[in-house]
Structure formats: structure tokens, C-alpha cells
């Protein structure tokens, strides 16, 4: 995804409010899958407070 398209998609989908930016997208039937990356990496776990590294991915359903 080019930078202009990514900025436009981030604005339309309001991903900045979630702290992520769209890196790619794919249409699958009735769904559009947005692939996102964090705007700022925070190595501290929100639950335990320990330093760590990104290892997992999360799928979330969002609606307008």
C-alpha cells in the first residue's frame, strides 16, 4: 500500500484512535481485512508491566 493510500485509509477507518496504521488490505466476500501495525511500539506489557516483544496477532471485528 502506498503512503498516500495508507494515510487516506487511516483517516477513513479512524485507526489512529486505536494506535495503529493500515499496512495492507484484502476483500473477502462481505468482509474487508485490514492489516495494521502499531504506530508506536511499546515494549511494556499492559497487563503485567514486564518488558517483552510483539509475538501475537489479534483479529477484531469493527463496524461503522
Protein backbone atom coordinates (compact mmCIF):
# COMPACT_ATOMS: atom_id res chain seq x y z
CA UNK A 1 0.00 0.00 0.00
CA UNK A 2 1.48 3.38 -0.90
CA UNK A 3 1.84 6.12 1.71
CA UNK A 4 -1.00 8.29 0.34
CA UNK A 5 -3.47 5.39 0.22
CA UNK A 6 -2.44 4.31 3.71
CA UNK A 7 -2.97 7.82 5.12
CA UNK A 8 -6.37 8.07 3.43
CA UNK A 9 -7.43 4.64 4.73
CA UNK A 10 -6.22 5.51 8.25
CA UNK A 11 -8.34 8.68 8.13
CA UNK A 12 -11.49 6.92 6.87
CA UNK A 13 -11.18 3.96 9.27
CA UNK A 14 -10.05 6.14 12.22
CA UNK A 15 -7.26 3.70 13.05
CA UNK A 16 -5.13 6.47 14.59
CA UNK A 17 -7.55 6.45 17.53
CA UNK A 18 -6.67 2.77 18.02
CA UNK A 19 -2.92 3.45 17.82
CA UNK A 20 -2.38 1.53 14.57
CA UNK A 21 -1.78 2.31 10.90
CA UNK A 22 -3.04 0.28 7.95
CA UNK A 23 -0.28 -1.52 6.05
CA UNK A 24 -2.40 -3.60 3.65
CA UNK A 25 -5.99 -4.66 2.96
CA UNK A 26 -7.86 -7.53 1.32
CA UNK A 27 -11.51 -8.00 0.36
CA UNK A 28 -13.08 -11.38 1.17
CA UNK A 29 -16.77 -11.56 0.37
CA UNK A 30 -18.70 -9.34 2.77
CA UNK A 31 -15.58 -8.52 4.81
CA UNK A 32 -12.55 -6.31 4.27
CA UNK A 33 -9.46 -7.42 6.17
CA UNK A 34 -7.20 -4.58 7.29
CA UNK A 35 -3.62 -5.45 8.13
CA UNK A 36 -2.27 -2.95 10.67
CA UNK A 37 0.89 -2.20 12.61
CA UNK A 38 1.26 -0.20 15.83
CA UNK A 39 2.11 3.48 15.36
CA UNK A 40 4.47 3.33 18.34
CA UNK A 41 5.93 0.13 19.72
CA UNK A 42 5.68 -0.11 23.50
CA UNK A 43 7.76 -2.99 24.87
CA UNK A 44 5.92 -2.94 28.22
CA UNK A 45 3.06 -5.40 28.73
CA UNK A 46 -0.19 -3.63 29.62
CA UNK A 47 -1.21 -6.49 31.94
CA UNK A 48 1.93 -7.46 33.88
CA UNK A 49 4.19 -4.42 33.37
CA UNK A 50 7.16 -6.53 32.20
CA UNK A 51 9.23 -5.75 29.11
CA UNK A 52 8.66 -8.10 26.20
CA UNK A 53 8.32 -8.28 22.44
CA UNK A 54 5.49 -8.47 19.93
CA UNK A 55 4.67 -12.10 19.13
CA UNK A 56 0.95 -12.39 18.60
CA UNK A 57 -1.68 -11.07 16.23
CA UNK A 58 -5.24 -10.16 17.07
CA UNK A 59 -8.33 -10.31 14.88
CA UNK A 60 -11.08 -7.84 15.74
CA UNK A 61 -14.43 -7.16 14.12
CA UNK A 62 -15.16 -3.46 13.73
CA UNK A 63 -18.19 -1.74 12.24
CA UNK A 64 -19.13 1.73 11.11
